[in-house]
């Protein structure tokens, strides 16, 4: 069987036809491997590469059921949101509104904060102007984006996800 495969691929048999060992014909595995390699290489040039994107969750997704499950979800958000940035603030700090530039509920989160915006109780004061201020703005924007992604990733309820991700609804709530 190995000889027709090798001949079909244009590979010359290495040993004469009558020289076989007890287990298998000599070099059969090499010719099969080579012919399999040629077939595989020829087949992959026409197909696009396939890949999967795995989303790694920090904890179980939440289905937006109020009560004990909701309290567990909030506890999980705070416990697993401990990754800190260069200023030392974590996602949990951002969610609790105790990082720099945190504002009270219902106020604009734009940076720089518009006049009249009240800082959240317990929020760390903003640094003085210049480069430290611009760095603090950049880090705060990063924390806001990452905390949003972090919360949305752990919500399994489809209707809540649609509401959260709909830009018109988000803008109307600010």
C-alpha atoms as a PDB file:
ATOM      1  CA  UNK A   1       0.000   0.000   0.000  1.00  0.00           C
ATOM      2  CA  UNK A   2       2.812   2.404   0.699  1.00  0.00           C
ATOM      3  CA  UNK A   3       4.324   1.980  -2.777  1.00  0.00           C
ATOM      4  CA  UNK A   4       1.306   3.379  -4.748  1.00  0.00           C
ATOM      5  CA  UNK A   5       1.103   6.372  -2.399  1.00  0.00           C
ATOM      6  CA  UNK A   6       4.796   7.105  -2.855  1.00  0.00           C
ATOM      7  CA  UNK A   7       4.559   6.679  -6.627  1.00  0.00           C
ATOM      8  CA  UNK A   8       1.455   8.903  -6.799  1.00  0.00           C
ATOM      9  CA  UNK A   9       3.360  11.634  -4.973  1.00  0.00           C
ATOM     10  CA  UNK A  10       6.389  11.225  -7.224  1.00  0.00           C
ATOM     11  CA  UNK A  11       8.553   9.835  -4.428  1.00  0.00           C
ATOM     12  CA  UNK A  12      10.960   7.098  -5.411  1.00  0.00           C
ATOM     13  CA  UNK A  13      10.948   4.033  -3.170  1.00  0.00           C
ATOM     14  CA  UNK A  14      14.109   3.962  -1.106  1.00  0.00           C
ATOM     15  CA  UNK A  15      14.495   0.187  -0.822  1.00  0.00           C
ATOM     16  CA  UNK A  16      14.074  -2.501  -3.491  1.00  0.00           C
ATOM     17  CA  UNK A  17      10.672  -4.204  -3.573  1.00  0.00           C
ATOM     18  CA  UNK A  18      11.763  -7.481  -1.953  1.00  0.00           C
ATOM     19  CA  UNK A  19      13.594  -6.072   1.067  1.00  0.00           C
ATOM     20  CA  UNK A  20      11.126  -5.851   3.963  1.00  0.00           C
ATOM     21  CA  UNK A  21      11.764  -6.269   7.635  1.00  0.00           C
ATOM     22  CA  UNK A  22       9.404  -8.251   9.863  1.00  0.00           C
ATOM     23  CA  UNK A  23       7.352  -5.341  11.182  1.00  0.00           C
ATOM     24  CA  UNK A  24       6.889  -3.064   8.173  1.00  0.00           C
ATOM     25  CA  UNK A  25       8.500  -2.109   4.909  1.00  0.00           C
ATOM     26  CA  UNK A  26      11.567   0.047   5.491  1.00  0.00           C
ATOM     27  CA  UNK A  27      11.034   3.831   5.504  1.00  0.00           C
ATOM     28  CA  UNK A  28       7.290   3.491   5.085  1.00  0.00           C
ATOM     29  CA  UNK A  29       6.601   5.841   7.945  1.00  0.00           C
ATOM     30  CA  UNK A  30       8.870   8.489   6.428  1.00  0.00           C
ATOM     31  CA  UNK A  31       7.132   8.344   3.061  1.00  0.00           C
ATOM     32  CA  UNK A  32       3.697   8.466   4.687  1.00  0.00           C
ATOM     33  CA  UNK A  33       4.727  11.369   6.860  1.00  0.00           C
ATOM     34  CA  UNK A  34       6.180  13.179   3.873  1.00  0.00           C
ATOM     35  CA  UNK A  35       3.082  12.574   1.738  1.00  0.00           C
ATOM     36  CA  UNK A  36       0.802  13.653   4.626  1.00  0.00           C
ATOM     37  CA  UNK A  37       2.892  16.786   5.070  1.00  0.00           C
ATOM     38  CA  UNK A  38       2.628  17.620   1.380  1.00  0.00           C
ATOM     39  CA  UNK A  39      -1.144  17.125   1.417  1.00  0.00           C
ATOM     40  CA  UNK A  40      -1.519  19.226   4.600  1.00  0.00           C
ATOM     41  CA  UNK A  41       0.642  22.061   3.290  1.00  0.00           C
ATOM     42  CA  UNK A  42      -1.188  22.105  -0.029  1.00  0.00           C
ATOM     43  CA  UNK A  43      -4.561  22.099   1.748  1.00  0.00           C
ATOM     44  CA  UNK A  44      -3.822  24.969   4.130  1.00  0.00           C
ATOM     45  CA  UNK A  45      -2.868  27.460   1.463  1.00  0.00           C
ATOM     46  CA  UNK A  46      -6.463  27.786   0.255  1.00  0.00           C
ATOM     47  CA  UNK A  47      -8.236  27.863   3.637  1.00  0.00           C
ATOM     48  CA  UNK A  48      -8.199  30.927   5.887  1.00  0.00           C
ATOM     49  CA  UNK A  49      -6.709  30.365   9.320  1.00  0.00           C
ATOM     50  CA  UNK A  50      -9.236  29.541  12.013  1.00  0.00           C
ATOM     51  CA  UNK A  51      -8.904  30.983  15.497  1.00  0.00           C
ATOM     52  CA  UNK A  52     -10.994  31.334  18.625  1.00  0.00           C
ATOM     53  CA  UNK A  53     -11.248  34.312  20.920  1.00  0.00           C
ATOM     54  CA  UNK A  54     -11.579  33.187  24.505  1.00  0.00           C
ATOM     55  CA  UNK A  55     -13.073  35.593  26.999  1.00  0.00           C
ATOM     56  CA  UNK A  56     -11.635  34.876  30.400  1.00  0.00           C
ATOM     57  CA  UNK A  57     -14.092  35.683  33.145  1.00  0.00           C
ATOM     58  CA  UNK A  58     -12.936  36.499  36.645  1.00  0.00           C
ATOM     59  CA  UNK A  59     -16.080  34.947  38.133  1.00  0.00           C
ATOM     60  CA  UNK A  60     -19.487  33.568  37.115  1.00  0.00           C
ATOM     61  CA  UNK A  61     -21.664  35.786  34.917  1.00  0.00           C
ATOM     62  CA  UNK A  62     -24.668  37.497  36.509  1.00  0.00           C
ATOM     63  CA  UNK A  63     -28.205  37.233  35.109  1.00  0.00           C
ATOM     64  CA  UNK A  64     -29.415  40.485  36.753  1.00  0.00           C
ATOM     65  CA  UNK A  65     -31.648  38.748  39.292  1.00  0.00           C
ATOM     66  CA  UNK A  66     -32.038  41.042  42.328  1.00  0.00           C
ATOM     67  CA  UNK A  67     -31.470  39.824  45.840  1.00  0.00           C
ATOM     68  CA  UNK A  68     -28.654  37.606  47.106  1.00  0.00           C
ATOM     69  CA  UNK A  69     -27.351  36.964  43.578  1.00  0.00           C
ATOM     70  CA  UNK A  70     -27.087  40.710  42.978  1.00  0.00           C
ATOM     71  CA  UNK A  71     -25.192  41.250  46.213  1.00  0.00           C
ATOM     72  CA  UNK A  72     -22.852  38.380  45.283  1.00  0.00           C
ATOM     73  CA  UNK A  73     -22.269  39.987  41.865  1.00  0.00           C
ATOM     74  CA  UNK A  74     -21.361  43.325  43.441  1.00  0.00           C
ATOM     75  CA  UNK A  75     -19.071  41.592  45.940  1.00  0.00           C
ATOM     76  CA  UNK A  76     -17.371  39.687  43.097  1.00  0.00           C
ATOM     77  CA  UNK A  77     -16.867  42.902  41.094  1.00  0.00           C
ATOM     78  CA  UNK A  78     -15.094  44.504  44.030  1.00  0.00           C
ATOM     79  CA  UNK A  79     -13.079  41.438  45.036  1.00  0.00           C
ATOM     80  CA  UNK A  80     -11.804  40.618  41.559  1.00  0.00           C
ATOM     81  CA  UNK A  81     -11.313  44.201  40.349  1.00  0.00           C
ATOM     82  CA  UNK A  82      -7.984  44.621  42.127  1.00  0.00           C
ATOM     83  CA  UNK A  83      -5.747  45.277  39.098  1.00  0.00           C
ATOM     84  CA  UNK A  84      -4.054  48.642  39.715  1.00  0.00           C
ATOM     85  CA  UNK A  85      -2.801  51.220  37.233  1.00  0.00           C
ATOM     86  CA  UNK A  86       0.280  53.460  37.464  1.00  0.00           C
ATOM     87  CA  UNK A  87      -1.464  55.799  39.958  1.00  0.00           C
ATOM     88  CA  UNK A  88      -2.272  52.852  42.226  1.00  0.00           C
ATOM     89  CA  UNK A  89      -6.035  52.926  41.644  1.00  0.00           C
ATOM     90  CA  UNK A  90      -7.864  49.691  40.841  1.00  0.00           C
ATOM     91  CA  UNK A  91     -11.100  48.938  39.017  1.00  0.00           C
ATOM     92  CA  UNK A  92     -12.722  48.430  42.413  1.00  0.00           C
ATOM     93  CA  UNK A  93     -11.659  51.976  43.391  1.00  0.00           C
ATOM     94  CA  UNK A  94     -13.210  53.259  40.159  1.00  0.00           C
ATOM     95  CA  UNK A  95     -16.472  51.383  40.812  1.00  0.00           C
ATOM     96  CA  UNK A  96     -16.562  52.641  44.410  1.00  0.00           C
ATOM     97  CA  UNK A  97     -15.813  56.224  43.239  1.00  0.00           C
ATOM     98  CA  UNK A  98     -12.783  56.711  45.434  1.00  0.00           C
ATOM     99  CA  UNK A  99     -10.168  57.202  42.713  1.00  0.00           C
ATOM    100  CA  UNK A 100      -8.980  60.561  41.392  1.00  0.00           C
ATOM    101  CA  UNK A 101     -11.533  62.573  39.373  1.00  0.00           C
ATOM    102  CA  UNK A 102     -14.440  60.487  40.738  1.00  0.00           C
ATOM    103  CA  UNK A 103     -17.665  62.492  40.721  1.00  0.00           C
ATOM    104  CA  UNK A 104     -20.959  62.173  42.540  1.00  0.00           C
ATOM    105  CA  UNK A 105     -23.729  60.094  40.989  1.00  0.00           C
ATOM    106  CA  UNK A 106     -25.561  61.694  38.089  1.00  0.00           C
ATOM    107  CA  UNK A 107     -22.768  64.090  37.179  1.00  0.00           C
ATOM    108  CA  UNK A 108     -20.738  64.215  33.964  1.00  0.00           C
ATOM    109  CA  UNK A 109     -17.637  62.045  33.931  1.00  0.00           C
ATOM    110  CA  UNK A 110     -15.945  64.008  31.137  1.00  0.00           C
ATOM    111  CA  UNK A 111     -12.337  65.038  31.592  1.00  0.00           C
ATOM    112  CA  UNK A 112     -11.416  67.704  32.437  1.00  0.00           C
ATOM    113  CA  UNK A 113     -14.440  68.061  34.708  1.00  0.00           C
ATOM    114  CA  UNK A 114     -16.721  70.960  33.730  1.00  0.00           C
ATOM    115  CA  UNK A 115     -17.269  73.762  36.257  1.00  0.00           C
ATOM    116  CA  UNK A 116     -19.762  72.928  38.978  1.00  0.00           C
ATOM    117  CA  UNK A 117     -19.133  69.181  39.020  1.00  0.00           C
ATOM    118  CA  UNK A 118     -18.950  67.891  42.571  1.00  0.00           C
ATOM    119  CA  UNK A 119     -16.295  65.392  43.538  1.00  0.00           C
ATOM    120  CA  UNK A 120     -17.464  62.138  45.073  1.00  0.00           C
ATOM    121  CA  UNK A 121     -17.129  61.862  48.855  1.00  0.00           C
ATOM    122  CA  UNK A 122     -13.840  60.148  49.611  1.00  0.00           C
ATOM    123  CA  UNK A 123     -12.375  60.775  46.155  1.00  0.00           C
ATOM    124  CA  UNK A 124      -8.665  61.512  46.019  1.00  0.00           C
ATOM    125  CA  UNK A 125      -7.887  65.116  45.047  1.00  0.00           C
ATOM    126  CA  UNK A 126      -6.607  65.666  41.511  1.00  0.00           C
ATOM    127  CA  UNK A 127      -2.921  66.446  41.001  1.00  0.00           C
ATOM    128  CA  UNK A 128      -1.738  69.944  40.110  1.00  0.00           C
ATOM    129  CA  UNK A 129      -1.627  70.993  36.429  1.00  0.00           C
ATOM    130  CA  UNK A 130       0.888  70.098  33.772  1.00  0.00           C
ATOM    131  CA  UNK A 131       2.139  66.634  32.860  1.00  0.00           C
ATOM    132  CA  UNK A 132       0.933  64.924  36.073  1.00  0.00           C
ATOM    133  CA  UNK A 133      -2.581  66.204  35.413  1.00  0.00           C
ATOM    134  CA  UNK A 134      -2.574  64.925  31.808  1.00  0.00           C
ATOM    135  CA  UNK A 135      -1.264  61.546  32.993  1.00  0.00           C
ATOM    136  CA  UNK A 136      -4.007  61.402  35.625  1.00  0.00           C
ATOM    137  CA  UNK A 137      -6.631  62.179  32.934  1.00  0.00           C
ATOM    138  CA  UNK A 138      -5.270  59.406  30.718  1.00  0.00           C
ATOM    139  CA  UNK A 139      -5.239  56.879  33.564  1.00  0.00           C
ATOM    140  CA  UNK A 140      -8.777  57.830  34.650  1.00  0.00           C
ATOM    141  CA  UNK A 141     -10.095  57.349  31.084  1.00  0.00           C
ATOM    142  CA  UNK A 142      -8.395  53.958  31.009  1.00  0.00           C
ATOM    143  CA  UNK A 143      -9.966  52.944  34.336  1.00  0.00           C
ATOM    144  CA  UNK A 144     -13.428  54.024  33.159  1.00  0.00           C
ATOM    145  CA  UNK A 145     -13.131  52.057  29.919  1.00  0.00           C
ATOM    146  CA  UNK A 146     -11.702  48.984  31.625  1.00  0.00           C
ATOM    147  CA  UNK A 147     -14.324  49.012  34.405  1.00  0.00           C
ATOM    148  CA  UNK A 148     -17.117  49.285  31.808  1.00  0.00           C
ATOM    149  CA  UNK A 149     -15.679  46.341  29.867  1.00  0.00           C
ATOM    150  CA  UNK A 150     -15.227  44.420  33.121  1.00  0.00           C
ATOM    151  CA  UNK A 151     -18.859  44.881  34.206  1.00  0.00           C
ATOM    152  CA  UNK A 152     -20.361  44.188  30.757  1.00  0.00           C
ATOM    153  CA  UNK A 153     -18.256  41.052  30.376  1.00  0.00           C
ATOM    154  CA  UNK A 154     -19.803  39.574  33.539  1.00  0.00           C
ATOM    155  CA  UNK A 155     -23.468  40.345  32.699  1.00  0.00           C
ATOM    156  CA  UNK A 156     -25.272  37.444  31.016  1.00  0.00           C
ATOM    157  CA  UNK A 157     -28.747  38.996  30.648  1.00  0.00           C
ATOM    158  CA  UNK A 158     -29.271  39.876  26.975  1.00  0.00           C
ATOM    159  CA  UNK A 159     -31.732  42.748  27.502  1.00  0.00           C
ATOM    160  CA  UNK A 160     -29.460  44.405  30.060  1.00  0.00           C
ATOM    161  CA  UNK A 161     -26.496  44.059  27.703  1.00  0.00           C
ATOM    162  CA  UNK A 162     -28.490  45.736  24.933  1.00  0.00           C
ATOM    163  CA  UNK A 163     -29.422  48.619  27.258  1.00  0.00           C
ATOM    164  CA  UNK A 164     -25.869  49.054  28.498  1.00  0.00           C
ATOM    165  CA  UNK A 165     -24.329  48.944  25.036  1.00  0.00           C
ATOM    166  CA  UNK A 166     -26.888  51.213  23.328  1.00  0.00           C
ATOM    167  CA  UNK A 167     -25.151  54.571  22.969  1.00  0.00           C
ATOM    168  CA  UNK A 168     -28.369  56.597  22.813  1.00  0.00           C
ATOM    169  CA  UNK A 169     -29.531  55.225  26.161  1.00  0.00           C
ATOM    170  CA  UNK A 170     -26.130  55.780  27.790  1.00  0.00           C
ATOM    171  CA  UNK A 171     -26.045  59.388  26.612  1.00  0.00           C
ATOM    172  CA  UNK A 172     -29.573  60.065  27.860  1.00  0.00           C
ATOM    173  CA  UNK A 173     -28.659  58.834  31.361  1.00  0.00           C
ATOM    174  CA  UNK A 174     -25.659  61.164  31.764  1.00  0.00           C
END
